[in-house]
């Protein structure tokens, strides 16, 4: 297993490196047969308003699947502990899914929302706060997959949405976790312009 540790606004000292290595080797110990690479990104926020300044993000590459977890706290070592535990749980879940993977006709597909009119005020009493610039660009392959496979990927990446190429339509879709439970899928719709050409 290849382990890569990077730091942002922090020097990755030998003791930090050793601690991360020890914790993550323990977390992936039972899953090394399908784990090829582990990327660790440690960062410290310089903004005084942020309470959980020390963040630890772990990305595990397992048989072409990306499993990701992120945790933050007021202490770097605590963040490493939290993210190691979280990635171990996600790897266990992934392994169980692989072991129980059998073609079944009774597999439930995620809820696809009916078309409804969107409320004008989506923000409510929350304050909009955007970062001043793009912090990081991410690129990843998008092999075609079913909505059910995308739902499974969403459960592994520790985000509330997952973008994928729908194997039925070959279009980019987004599956997301709804606030009140279940899943939703966002699909593009063609816009039809009026053609005023006379026959």
N, C-alpha and C. Protein backbone atom coordinates (compact mmCIF):
# COMPACT_ATOMS: atom_id res chain seq x y z
N UNK A 1 0.84 -1.18 0.00
CA UNK A 1 0.00 0.00 0.00
C UNK A 1 0.89 1.25 0.00
N UNK A 2 0.59 2.17 -0.90
CA UNK A 2 1.34 3.42 -0.99
C UNK A 2 0.64 4.50 -0.17
N UNK A 3 1.40 5.14 0.72
CA UNK A 3 0.83 6.18 1.60
C UNK A 3 1.52 7.50 1.30
N UNK A 4 0.74 8.51 0.96
CA UNK A 4 1.26 9.83 0.65
C UNK A 4 0.66 10.84 1.63
N UNK A 5 1.52 11.59 2.33
CA UNK A 5 1.06 12.57 3.33
C UNK A 5 1.49 13.96 2.89
N UNK A 6 0.54 14.88 2.82
CA UNK A 6 0.82 16.25 2.43
C UNK A 6 0.27 17.21 3.47
N UNK A 7 0.87 18.39 3.56
CA UNK A 7 0.41 19.39 4.51
C UNK A 7 0.16 20.73 3.86
N UNK A 8 -0.80 21.46 4.38
CA UNK A 8 -1.12 22.81 3.92
C UNK A 8 -1.13 23.72 5.14
N UNK A 9 -0.28 24.74 5.16
CA UNK A 9 -0.09 25.62 6.30
C UNK A 9 0.42 24.87 7.53
N UNK A 10 1.11 23.76 7.28
CA UNK A 10 1.64 22.95 8.39
C UNK A 10 2.86 22.18 7.90
N UNK A 11 3.87 22.09 8.75
CA UNK A 11 5.04 21.25 8.44
C UNK A 11 4.73 19.83 8.91
N UNK A 12 4.83 18.89 7.98
CA UNK A 12 4.61 17.49 8.35
C UNK A 12 5.91 16.98 8.96
N UNK A 13 5.99 17.07 10.30
CA UNK A 13 7.19 16.64 11.01
C UNK A 13 7.27 15.12 11.04
N UNK A 14 8.39 14.62 11.49
CA UNK A 14 8.57 13.17 11.56
C UNK A 14 7.57 12.54 12.53
N UNK A 15 7.30 13.23 13.65
CA UNK A 15 6.34 12.67 14.62
C UNK A 15 4.92 12.65 14.05
N UNK A 16 4.54 13.71 13.30
CA UNK A 16 3.21 13.72 12.66
C UNK A 16 3.15 12.62 11.62
N UNK A 17 4.20 12.50 10.80
CA UNK A 17 4.27 11.46 9.77
C UNK A 17 4.13 10.07 10.39
N UNK A 18 4.86 9.83 11.47
CA UNK A 18 4.80 8.52 12.14
C UNK A 18 3.41 8.24 12.70
N UNK A 19 2.80 9.28 13.28
CA UNK A 19 1.46 9.11 13.88
C UNK A 19 0.42 8.78 12.81
N UNK A 20 0.46 9.53 11.70
CA UNK A 20 -0.48 9.28 10.59
C UNK A 20 -0.27 7.87 10.04
N UNK A 21 0.99 7.50 9.81
CA UNK A 21 1.30 6.17 9.27
C UNK A 21 0.77 5.07 10.19
N UNK A 22 1.02 5.22 11.49
CA UNK A 22 0.57 4.22 12.46
C UNK A 22 -0.96 4.09 12.46
N UNK A 23 -1.65 5.24 12.52
CA UNK A 23 -3.11 5.22 12.59
C UNK A 23 -3.73 4.66 11.31
N UNK A 24 -3.20 5.05 10.15
CA UNK A 24 -3.82 4.60 8.90
C UNK A 24 -3.46 3.17 8.54
N UNK A 25 -2.28 2.74 8.89
CA UNK A 25 -1.95 1.33 8.67
C UNK A 25 -2.87 0.44 9.49
N UNK A 26 -3.19 0.89 10.70
CA UNK A 26 -4.14 0.15 11.54
C UNK A 26 -5.54 0.18 10.94
N UNK A 27 -5.94 1.35 10.40
CA UNK A 27 -7.29 1.51 9.84
C UNK A 27 -7.50 0.64 8.60
N UNK A 28 -6.46 0.49 7.77
CA UNK A 28 -6.62 -0.26 6.51
C UNK A 28 -6.05 -1.68 6.58
N UNK A 29 -5.60 -2.08 7.77
CA UNK A 29 -4.92 -3.37 7.95
C UNK A 29 -5.71 -4.54 7.35
N UNK A 30 -7.01 -4.59 7.59
CA UNK A 30 -7.83 -5.72 7.13
C UNK A 30 -8.30 -5.56 5.69
N UNK A 31 -7.93 -4.46 5.04
CA UNK A 31 -8.45 -4.18 3.70
C UNK A 31 -7.33 -3.98 2.67
N UNK A 32 -6.11 -4.44 3.01
CA UNK A 32 -4.97 -4.21 2.13
C UNK A 32 -5.04 -5.01 0.84
N UNK A 33 -5.88 -6.03 0.80
CA UNK A 33 -5.99 -6.83 -0.43
C UNK A 33 -6.58 -6.01 -1.58
N UNK A 34 -7.40 -5.00 -1.27
CA UNK A 34 -7.97 -4.19 -2.34
C UNK A 34 -7.60 -2.70 -2.24
N UNK A 35 -6.78 -2.33 -1.25
CA UNK A 35 -6.35 -0.94 -1.11
C UNK A 35 -5.00 -0.76 -1.80
N UNK A 36 -4.94 0.14 -2.78
CA UNK A 36 -3.69 0.34 -3.52
C UNK A 36 -2.94 1.59 -3.07
N UNK A 37 -3.67 2.63 -2.72
CA UNK A 37 -3.02 3.91 -2.40
C UNK A 37 -3.87 4.69 -1.40
N UNK A 38 -3.20 5.39 -0.48
CA UNK A 38 -3.88 6.23 0.50
C UNK A 38 -3.24 7.61 0.47
N UNK A 39 -4.05 8.63 0.19
CA UNK A 39 -3.59 10.02 0.21
C UNK A 39 -4.10 10.69 1.48
N UNK A 40 -3.22 11.37 2.20
CA UNK A 40 -3.60 12.08 3.41
C UNK A 40 -3.25 13.55 3.21
N UNK A 41 -4.21 14.41 3.49
CA UNK A 41 -3.99 15.85 3.36
C UNK A 41 -4.32 16.50 4.70
N UNK A 42 -3.30 17.08 5.34
CA UNK A 42 -3.46 17.74 6.63
C UNK A 42 -3.41 19.25 6.40
N UNK A 43 -4.28 19.99 7.07
CA UNK A 43 -4.28 21.44 6.89
C UNK A 43 -4.67 22.14 8.18
N UNK A 44 -4.18 23.38 8.29
CA UNK A 44 -4.53 24.23 9.42
C UNK A 44 -5.07 25.54 8.85
N UNK A 45 -6.30 25.89 9.24
CA UNK A 45 -6.91 27.13 8.75
C UNK A 45 -6.34 28.32 9.51
N UNK A 46 -6.05 29.38 8.77
CA UNK A 46 -5.50 30.58 9.41
C UNK A 46 -6.59 31.55 9.83
N UNK A 47 -7.81 31.30 9.41
CA UNK A 47 -8.94 32.18 9.75
C UNK A 47 -9.31 32.00 11.22
N UNK A 48 -9.28 33.07 11.97
CA UNK A 48 -9.55 33.01 13.42
C UNK A 48 -10.99 32.63 13.73
N UNK A 49 -11.91 32.84 12.77
CA UNK A 49 -13.33 32.53 13.01
C UNK A 49 -13.63 31.03 12.91
N UNK A 50 -12.73 30.28 12.33
CA UNK A 50 -12.95 28.83 12.17
C UNK A 50 -12.56 28.14 13.47
N UNK A 51 -13.50 27.37 14.04
CA UNK A 51 -13.22 26.70 15.32
C UNK A 51 -12.41 25.42 15.12
N UNK A 52 -12.82 24.58 14.17
CA UNK A 52 -12.10 23.33 13.92
C UNK A 52 -11.00 23.59 12.90
N UNK A 53 -9.91 24.19 13.36
CA UNK A 53 -8.84 24.65 12.47
C UNK A 53 -8.04 23.51 11.85
N UNK A 54 -7.87 22.43 12.59
CA UNK A 54 -7.00 21.34 12.14
C UNK A 54 -7.83 20.29 11.41
N UNK A 55 -7.59 20.14 10.10
CA UNK A 55 -8.36 19.20 9.29
C UNK A 55 -7.48 18.08 8.78
N UNK A 56 -8.06 16.90 8.74
CA UNK A 56 -7.39 15.73 8.18
C UNK A 56 -8.33 15.11 7.15
N UNK A 57 -7.85 14.97 5.94
CA UNK A 57 -8.65 14.39 4.85
C UNK A 57 -7.91 13.16 4.33
N UNK A 58 -8.62 12.07 4.21
CA UNK A 58 -8.02 10.82 3.73
C UNK A 58 -8.79 10.32 2.51
N UNK A 59 -8.05 9.98 1.47
CA UNK A 59 -8.65 9.39 0.27
C UNK A 59 -7.99 8.03 0.04
N UNK A 60 -8.81 6.99 0.00
CA UNK A 60 -8.33 5.63 -0.22
C UNK A 60 -8.76 5.18 -1.61
N UNK A 61 -7.81 4.66 -2.37
CA UNK A 61 -8.10 4.12 -3.70
C UNK A 61 -8.16 2.60 -3.57
N UNK A 62 -9.34 2.05 -3.83
CA UNK A 62 -9.56 0.62 -3.62
C UNK A 62 -10.24 0.01 -4.84
N UNK A 63 -9.51 -0.76 -5.61
CA UNK A 63 -10.07 -1.44 -6.79
C UNK A 63 -10.84 -0.49 -7.71
N UNK A 64 -10.29 0.69 -7.95
CA UNK A 64 -10.97 1.63 -8.83
C UNK A 64 -12.04 2.47 -8.15
N UNK A 65 -12.29 2.19 -6.88
CA UNK A 65 -13.28 2.96 -6.11
C UNK A 65 -12.54 3.95 -5.22
N UNK A 66 -13.09 5.15 -5.08
CA UNK A 66 -12.50 6.17 -4.21
C UNK A 66 -13.33 6.27 -2.93
N UNK A 67 -12.67 6.08 -1.80
CA UNK A 67 -13.33 6.17 -0.50
C UNK A 67 -12.68 7.34 0.24
N UNK A 68 -13.50 8.28 0.68
CA UNK A 68 -12.96 9.52 1.23
C UNK A 68 -13.60 9.87 2.57
N UNK A 69 -12.79 10.44 3.46
CA UNK A 69 -13.31 10.91 4.75
C UNK A 69 -12.55 12.16 5.15
N UNK A 70 -13.23 13.03 5.87
CA UNK A 70 -12.61 14.28 6.34
C UNK A 70 -13.12 14.59 7.73
N UNK A 71 -12.23 15.03 8.59
CA UNK A 71 -12.61 15.42 9.94
C UNK A 71 -11.81 16.64 10.36
N UNK A 72 -12.40 17.46 11.21
CA UNK A 72 -11.71 18.63 11.72
C UNK A 72 -11.95 18.78 13.21
N UNK A 73 -10.96 19.34 13.90
CA UNK A 73 -11.10 19.60 15.33
C UNK A 73 -10.10 20.69 15.72
N UNK A 74 -10.01 20.97 17.01
CA UNK A 74 -9.08 22.00 17.48
C UNK A 74 -7.67 21.45 17.65
N UNK A 75 -7.51 20.14 17.44
CA UNK A 75 -6.21 19.49 17.63
C UNK A 75 -5.93 18.57 16.45
N UNK A 76 -4.74 18.67 15.87
CA UNK A 76 -4.40 17.89 14.68
C UNK A 76 -4.45 16.39 14.96
N UNK A 77 -3.91 15.96 16.09
CA UNK A 77 -3.87 14.53 16.41
C UNK A 77 -5.28 13.98 16.62
N UNK A 78 -6.16 14.79 17.21
CA UNK A 78 -7.56 14.36 17.37
C UNK A 78 -8.23 14.21 16.01
N UNK A 79 -7.93 15.13 15.09
CA UNK A 79 -8.50 15.05 13.73
C UNK A 79 -8.02 13.78 13.02
N UNK A 80 -6.74 13.45 13.21
CA UNK A 80 -6.18 12.23 12.60
C UNK A 80 -6.88 11.00 13.18
N UNK A 81 -7.10 10.98 14.50
CA UNK A 81 -7.81 9.87 15.15
C UNK A 81 -9.22 9.72 14.57
N UNK A 82 -9.94 10.85 14.48
CA UNK A 82 -11.32 10.83 14.01
C UNK A 82 -11.41 10.34 12.57
N UNK A 83 -10.54 10.85 11.70
CA UNK A 83 -10.61 10.49 10.29
C UNK A 83 -10.17 9.04 10.08
N UNK A 84 -9.24 8.55 10.89
CA UNK A 84 -8.81 7.15 10.79
C UNK A 84 -9.96 6.21 11.14
N UNK A 85 -10.68 6.54 12.22
CA UNK A 85 -11.83 5.72 12.62
C UNK A 85 -12.92 5.75 11.53
N UNK A 86 -13.14 6.92 10.97
CA UNK A 86 -14.18 7.07 9.95
C UNK A 86 -13.83 6.28 8.70
N UNK A 87 -12.58 6.34 8.26
CA UNK A 87 -12.17 5.63 7.03
C UNK A 87 -12.23 4.12 7.26
N UNK A 88 -11.92 3.68 8.48
CA UNK A 88 -12.00 2.25 8.80
C UNK A 88 -13.45 1.77 8.70
N UNK A 89 -14.41 2.59 9.19
CA UNK A 89 -15.83 2.23 9.10
C UNK A 89 -16.28 2.17 7.64
N UNK A 90 -15.82 3.15 6.84
CA UNK A 90 -16.23 3.17 5.44
C UNK A 90 -15.64 2.00 4.65
N UNK A 91 -14.41 1.62 4.99
CA UNK A 91 -13.79 0.46 4.33
C UNK A 91 -14.52 -0.83 4.70
N UNK A 92 -14.93 -0.93 5.97
CA UNK A 92 -15.69 -2.11 6.40
C UNK A 92 -17.02 -2.19 5.64
N UNK A 93 -17.66 -1.05 5.50
CA UNK A 93 -18.93 -0.98 4.78
C UNK A 93 -18.73 -1.37 3.31
N UNK A 94 -17.64 -0.89 2.72
CA UNK A 94 -17.33 -1.20 1.32
C UNK A 94 -17.07 -2.70 1.15
N UNK A 95 -16.31 -3.29 2.07
CA UNK A 95 -16.00 -4.72 1.99
C UNK A 95 -17.27 -5.56 2.14
N UNK A 96 -18.15 -5.16 3.06
CA UNK A 96 -19.42 -5.87 3.24
C UNK A 96 -20.25 -5.80 1.96
N UNK A 97 -20.23 -4.64 1.33
CA UNK A 97 -20.99 -4.45 0.09
C UNK A 97 -20.45 -5.37 -1.00
N UNK A 98 -19.11 -5.47 -1.09
CA UNK A 98 -18.49 -6.35 -2.10
C UNK A 98 -18.87 -7.81 -1.83
N UNK A 99 -18.76 -8.21 -0.55
CA UNK A 99 -19.04 -9.61 -0.19
C UNK A 99 -20.51 -9.98 -0.38
N UNK A 100 -21.39 -9.01 -0.19
CA UNK A 100 -22.83 -9.28 -0.33
C UNK A 100 -23.36 -8.95 -1.71
N UNK A 101 -22.47 -8.56 -2.62
CA UNK A 101 -22.92 -8.11 -3.95
C UNK A 101 -23.38 -9.30 -4.79
N UNK A 102 -24.68 -9.38 -4.94
CA UNK A 102 -25.30 -10.41 -5.77
C UNK A 102 -26.36 -9.74 -6.61
N UNK A 103 -26.47 -10.11 -7.88
CA UNK A 103 -27.52 -9.49 -8.68
C UNK A 103 -28.90 -9.83 -8.12
N UNK A 104 -29.63 -8.83 -7.72
CA UNK A 104 -30.97 -9.03 -7.18
C UNK A 104 -31.94 -8.11 -7.89
N UNK A 105 -33.09 -8.65 -8.19
CA UNK A 105 -34.09 -7.84 -8.87
C UNK A 105 -34.83 -6.94 -7.89
N UNK A 106 -34.70 -7.25 -6.59
CA UNK A 106 -35.46 -6.49 -5.60
C UNK A 106 -34.67 -5.32 -5.03
N UNK A 107 -33.54 -4.97 -5.65
CA UNK A 107 -32.75 -3.85 -5.16
C UNK A 107 -33.55 -2.56 -5.33
N UNK A 108 -33.63 -1.80 -4.25
CA UNK A 108 -34.39 -0.55 -4.30
C UNK A 108 -33.54 0.52 -4.95
N UNK A 109 -34.10 1.22 -5.90
CA UNK A 109 -33.38 2.34 -6.49
C UNK A 109 -33.69 3.59 -5.68
N UNK A 110 -32.78 4.57 -5.71
CA UNK A 110 -33.03 5.78 -4.91
C UNK A 110 -34.26 6.52 -5.40
N UNK A 111 -34.83 7.30 -4.49
CA UNK A 111 -36.01 8.09 -4.86
C UNK A 111 -35.65 9.12 -5.91
N UNK A 112 -36.35 9.10 -7.01
CA UNK A 112 -36.18 10.14 -8.01
C UNK A 112 -37.34 11.10 -7.80
N UNK A 113 -36.99 12.35 -7.55
CA UNK A 113 -38.02 13.32 -7.19
C UNK A 113 -38.92 13.63 -8.38
N UNK A 114 -40.22 13.74 -8.13
CA UNK A 114 -41.11 14.19 -9.21
C UNK A 114 -40.82 15.65 -9.52
N UNK A 115 -41.17 16.05 -10.72
CA UNK A 115 -40.93 17.44 -11.10
C UNK A 115 -41.87 18.34 -10.31
N UNK A 116 -41.29 19.25 -9.53
CA UNK A 116 -42.09 20.20 -8.77
C UNK A 116 -41.46 21.58 -8.93
N UNK A 117 -42.26 22.57 -8.69
CA UNK A 117 -41.75 23.94 -8.81
C UNK A 117 -40.84 24.24 -7.63
N UNK A 118 -39.70 24.87 -7.92
CA UNK A 118 -38.72 25.18 -6.89
C UNK A 118 -39.14 26.46 -6.18
N UNK A 119 -39.04 26.44 -4.83
CA UNK A 119 -39.35 27.65 -4.06
C UNK A 119 -38.35 28.73 -4.41
N UNK A 120 -38.83 29.97 -4.39
CA UNK A 120 -37.93 31.08 -4.73
C UNK A 120 -36.84 31.26 -3.69
N UNK A 121 -37.18 31.10 -2.42
CA UNK A 121 -36.20 31.32 -1.36
C UNK A 121 -35.65 29.99 -0.88
N UNK A 122 -34.51 29.58 -1.46
CA UNK A 122 -33.90 28.31 -1.08
C UNK A 122 -32.97 28.46 0.11
N UNK A 123 -32.54 29.69 0.38
CA UNK A 123 -31.54 29.91 1.42
C UNK A 123 -32.18 30.06 2.80
N UNK A 124 -33.37 30.64 2.86
CA UNK A 124 -34.02 30.84 4.16
C UNK A 124 -33.28 31.89 4.98
N UNK A 125 -33.05 31.59 6.27
CA UNK A 125 -32.38 32.56 7.13
C UNK A 125 -30.87 32.34 7.19
N UNK A 126 -30.35 31.45 6.34
CA UNK A 126 -28.90 31.21 6.31
C UNK A 126 -28.20 32.34 5.57
N UNK A 127 -26.96 32.58 5.94
CA UNK A 127 -26.18 33.64 5.31
C UNK A 127 -25.30 33.03 4.23
N UNK A 128 -25.32 33.62 3.05
CA UNK A 128 -24.50 33.12 1.95
C UNK A 128 -23.07 33.57 2.17
N UNK A 129 -22.14 32.62 2.14
CA UNK A 129 -20.73 32.95 2.31
C UNK A 129 -19.92 32.10 1.36
N UNK A 130 -19.38 32.73 0.32
CA UNK A 130 -18.59 32.03 -0.67
C UNK A 130 -17.12 32.31 -0.45
N UNK A 131 -16.26 31.33 -0.75
CA UNK A 131 -14.83 31.60 -0.63
C UNK A 131 -14.41 32.64 -1.67
N UNK A 132 -13.39 33.43 -1.37
CA UNK A 132 -12.99 34.49 -2.29
C UNK A 132 -12.43 33.97 -3.61
N UNK A 133 -11.93 32.75 -3.61
CA UNK A 133 -11.35 32.19 -4.83
C UNK A 133 -11.49 30.68 -4.82
N UNK A 134 -11.23 30.06 -5.96
CA UNK A 134 -11.27 28.60 -6.03
C UNK A 134 -10.09 28.06 -5.24
N UNK A 135 -10.37 27.21 -4.28
CA UNK A 135 -9.32 26.68 -3.41
C UNK A 135 -8.60 25.50 -4.06
N UNK A 136 -9.38 24.56 -4.61
CA UNK A 136 -8.77 23.36 -5.16
C UNK A 136 -9.59 22.83 -6.32
N UNK A 137 -8.91 22.39 -7.36
CA UNK A 137 -9.59 21.76 -8.50
C UNK A 137 -9.41 20.26 -8.37
N UNK A 138 -10.47 19.50 -8.65
CA UNK A 138 -10.38 18.04 -8.60
C UNK A 138 -10.80 17.48 -9.94
N UNK A 139 -10.09 16.48 -10.41
CA UNK A 139 -10.40 15.81 -11.66
C UNK A 139 -10.51 14.32 -11.38
N UNK A 140 -11.51 13.69 -11.96
CA UNK A 140 -11.62 12.24 -11.80
C UNK A 140 -12.36 11.64 -12.99
N UNK A 141 -12.06 10.38 -13.23
CA UNK A 141 -12.69 9.67 -14.35
C UNK A 141 -14.17 9.47 -14.06
N UNK A 142 -14.98 9.47 -15.11
CA UNK A 142 -16.42 9.26 -14.95
C UNK A 142 -16.89 8.12 -15.82
N UNK A 143 -16.60 6.88 -15.42
CA UNK A 143 -17.12 5.77 -16.20
C UNK A 143 -18.64 5.71 -16.04
N UNK A 144 -19.36 5.33 -17.09
CA UNK A 144 -20.82 5.25 -16.97
C UNK A 144 -21.24 4.28 -15.87
N UNK A 145 -22.28 4.64 -15.13
CA UNK A 145 -22.78 3.77 -14.06
C UNK A 145 -24.28 3.98 -13.88
N UNK A 146 -24.89 3.03 -13.21
CA UNK A 146 -26.32 3.13 -12.92
C UNK A 146 -26.54 4.05 -11.73
N UNK A 147 -27.79 4.45 -11.52
CA UNK A 147 -28.12 5.30 -10.37
C UNK A 147 -27.83 4.55 -9.07
N UNK A 148 -28.07 3.25 -9.06
CA UNK A 148 -27.81 2.45 -7.86
C UNK A 148 -26.31 2.43 -7.53
N UNK A 149 -25.47 2.30 -8.57
CA UNK A 149 -24.02 2.33 -8.35
C UNK A 149 -23.57 3.70 -7.85
N UNK A 150 -24.18 4.76 -8.40
CA UNK A 150 -23.84 6.12 -7.98
C UNK A 150 -24.24 6.34 -6.51
N UNK A 151 -25.36 5.77 -6.11
CA UNK A 151 -25.79 5.87 -4.71
C UNK A 151 -24.76 5.21 -3.80
N UNK A 152 -24.26 4.06 -4.23
CA UNK A 152 -23.23 3.36 -3.45
C UNK A 152 -21.96 4.20 -3.35
N UNK A 153 -21.55 4.83 -4.46
CA UNK A 153 -20.36 5.69 -4.45
C UNK A 153 -20.56 6.88 -3.52
N UNK A 154 -21.77 7.45 -3.53
CA UNK A 154 -22.08 8.58 -2.66
C UNK A 154 -21.87 8.22 -1.20
N UNK A 155 -22.24 7.00 -0.83
CA UNK A 155 -22.09 6.55 0.56
C UNK A 155 -20.62 6.41 0.95
N UNK A 156 -19.73 6.30 -0.05
CA UNK A 156 -18.31 6.10 0.24
C UNK A 156 -17.49 7.38 0.26
N UNK A 157 -17.97 8.46 -0.35
CA UNK A 157 -17.12 9.64 -0.52
C UNK A 157 -17.27 10.70 0.56
N UNK A 158 -18.14 10.52 1.53
CA UNK A 158 -18.27 11.46 2.64
C UNK A 158 -18.66 12.87 2.17
N UNK A 159 -19.51 12.92 1.16
CA UNK A 159 -20.08 14.19 0.69
C UNK A 159 -21.60 14.02 0.70
N UNK A 160 -22.33 15.11 0.50
CA UNK A 160 -23.78 14.97 0.41
C UNK A 160 -24.26 14.94 -1.04
N UNK A 161 -23.32 14.88 -2.00
CA UNK A 161 -23.70 14.71 -3.40
C UNK A 161 -22.61 13.95 -4.14
N UNK A 162 -22.96 13.39 -5.29
CA UNK A 162 -21.98 12.67 -6.11
C UNK A 162 -22.35 12.88 -7.58
N UNK A 163 -21.39 13.31 -8.37
CA UNK A 163 -21.62 13.56 -9.79
C UNK A 163 -21.15 12.34 -10.58
N UNK A 164 -21.96 11.90 -11.56
CA UNK A 164 -21.62 10.68 -12.30
C UNK A 164 -22.21 10.75 -13.71
N UNK A 165 -21.69 9.86 -14.58
CA UNK A 165 -22.23 9.73 -15.93
C UNK A 165 -23.25 8.60 -15.94
N UNK A 166 -24.50 8.93 -16.24
CA UNK A 166 -25.59 7.96 -16.24
C UNK A 166 -25.43 7.01 -17.41
N UNK A 167 -25.37 5.70 -17.11
CA UNK A 167 -25.13 4.73 -18.18
C UNK A 167 -26.32 4.61 -19.14
N UNK A 168 -27.51 5.00 -18.71
CA UNK A 168 -28.68 4.91 -19.58
C UNK A 168 -28.77 6.07 -20.57
N UNK A 169 -28.32 7.26 -20.13
CA UNK A 169 -28.46 8.45 -20.98
C UNK A 169 -27.13 9.01 -21.47
N UNK A 170 -26.02 8.55 -20.88
CA UNK A 170 -24.67 9.05 -21.16
C UNK A 170 -24.55 10.55 -20.82
N UNK A 171 -25.38 11.03 -19.89
CA UNK A 171 -25.33 12.43 -19.46
C UNK A 171 -24.80 12.50 -18.04
N UNK A 172 -24.27 13.68 -17.69
CA UNK A 172 -23.79 13.90 -16.33
C UNK A 172 -25.00 14.14 -15.43
N UNK A 173 -25.10 13.37 -14.34
CA UNK A 173 -26.17 13.50 -13.34
C UNK A 173 -25.53 13.76 -11.98
N UNK A 174 -26.34 14.23 -11.05
CA UNK A 174 -25.89 14.42 -9.66
C UNK A 174 -26.89 13.71 -8.76
N UNK A 175 -26.39 12.82 -7.91
CA UNK A 175 -27.25 12.19 -6.90
C UNK A 175 -26.89 12.84 -5.56
N UNK A 176 -27.92 13.13 -4.75
CA UNK A 176 -27.65 13.84 -3.50
C UNK A 176 -28.54 13.30 -2.39
N UNK A 177 -28.08 13.56 -1.14
CA UNK A 177 -28.86 13.17 0.02
C UNK A 177 -29.84 14.28 0.35
N UNK A 178 -31.11 13.93 0.45
CA UNK A 178 -32.13 14.93 0.78
C UNK A 178 -32.11 15.21 2.27
N UNK A 179 -32.44 16.45 2.63
CA UNK A 179 -32.44 16.85 4.04
C UNK A 179 -33.39 16.02 4.89
N UNK A 180 -34.50 15.59 4.30
CA UNK A 180 -35.51 14.84 5.05
C UNK A 180 -35.43 13.34 4.80
N UNK A 181 -34.27 12.87 4.34
CA UNK A 181 -34.06 11.45 4.12
C UNK A 181 -34.25 11.06 2.67
N UNK A 182 -33.63 9.97 2.28
CA UNK A 182 -33.72 9.50 0.91
C UNK A 182 -32.72 10.21 0.01
N UNK A 183 -32.86 9.94 -1.27
CA UNK A 183 -31.93 10.48 -2.26
C UNK A 183 -32.71 11.17 -3.37
N UNK A 184 -32.05 12.11 -4.01
CA UNK A 184 -32.61 12.77 -5.19
C UNK A 184 -31.60 12.70 -6.31
N UNK A 185 -32.07 12.83 -7.54
CA UNK A 185 -31.18 12.82 -8.71
C UNK A 185 -31.48 14.05 -9.54
N UNK A 186 -30.42 14.78 -9.90
CA UNK A 186 -30.56 15.93 -10.78
C UNK A 186 -30.09 15.52 -12.16
N UNK A 187 -30.96 15.71 -13.15
CA UNK A 187 -30.64 15.34 -14.53
C UNK A 187 -30.83 16.55 -15.43
N UNK A 188 -30.00 16.68 -16.47
CA UNK A 188 -30.17 17.82 -17.38
C UNK A 188 -31.42 17.64 -18.23
N UNK A 189 -32.01 18.77 -18.62
CA UNK A 189 -33.16 18.74 -19.51
C UNK A 189 -32.85 19.63 -20.70
N UNK A 190 -33.16 19.14 -21.88
CA UNK A 190 -32.92 19.93 -23.08
C UNK A 190 -33.87 21.10 -23.11
N UNK A 191 -33.36 22.27 -23.50
CA UNK A 191 -34.23 23.42 -23.66
C UNK A 191 -34.59 23.52 -25.14
N UNK A 192 -35.88 23.68 -25.40
CA UNK A 192 -36.34 23.75 -26.79
C UNK A 192 -36.60 25.21 -27.14
N UNK A 193 -35.88 25.69 -28.16
CA UNK A 193 -36.08 27.05 -28.61
C UNK A 193 -37.15 27.05 -29.70
N UNK A 194 -37.91 28.13 -29.72
CA UNK A 194 -38.95 28.24 -30.76
C UNK A 194 -38.30 28.51 -32.11
N UNK A 195 -38.59 27.65 -33.05
CA UNK A 195 -38.10 27.86 -34.41
C UNK A 195 -39.19 28.52 -35.23
N UNK A 196 -38.94 29.75 -35.65
CA UNK A 196 -39.94 30.50 -36.41
C UNK A 196 -39.70 30.41 -37.91
N UNK A 197 -39.21 29.27 -38.36
CA UNK A 197 -38.98 29.10 -39.79
C UNK A 197 -40.26 28.66 -40.47
N UNK A 198 -40.57 29.24 -41.57
CA UNK A 198 -41.80 28.89 -42.27
C UNK A 198 -41.51 27.78 -43.27
N UNK A 199 -42.51 26.90 -43.48
CA UNK A 199 -42.33 25.76 -44.36
C UNK A 199 -42.51 26.17 -45.80
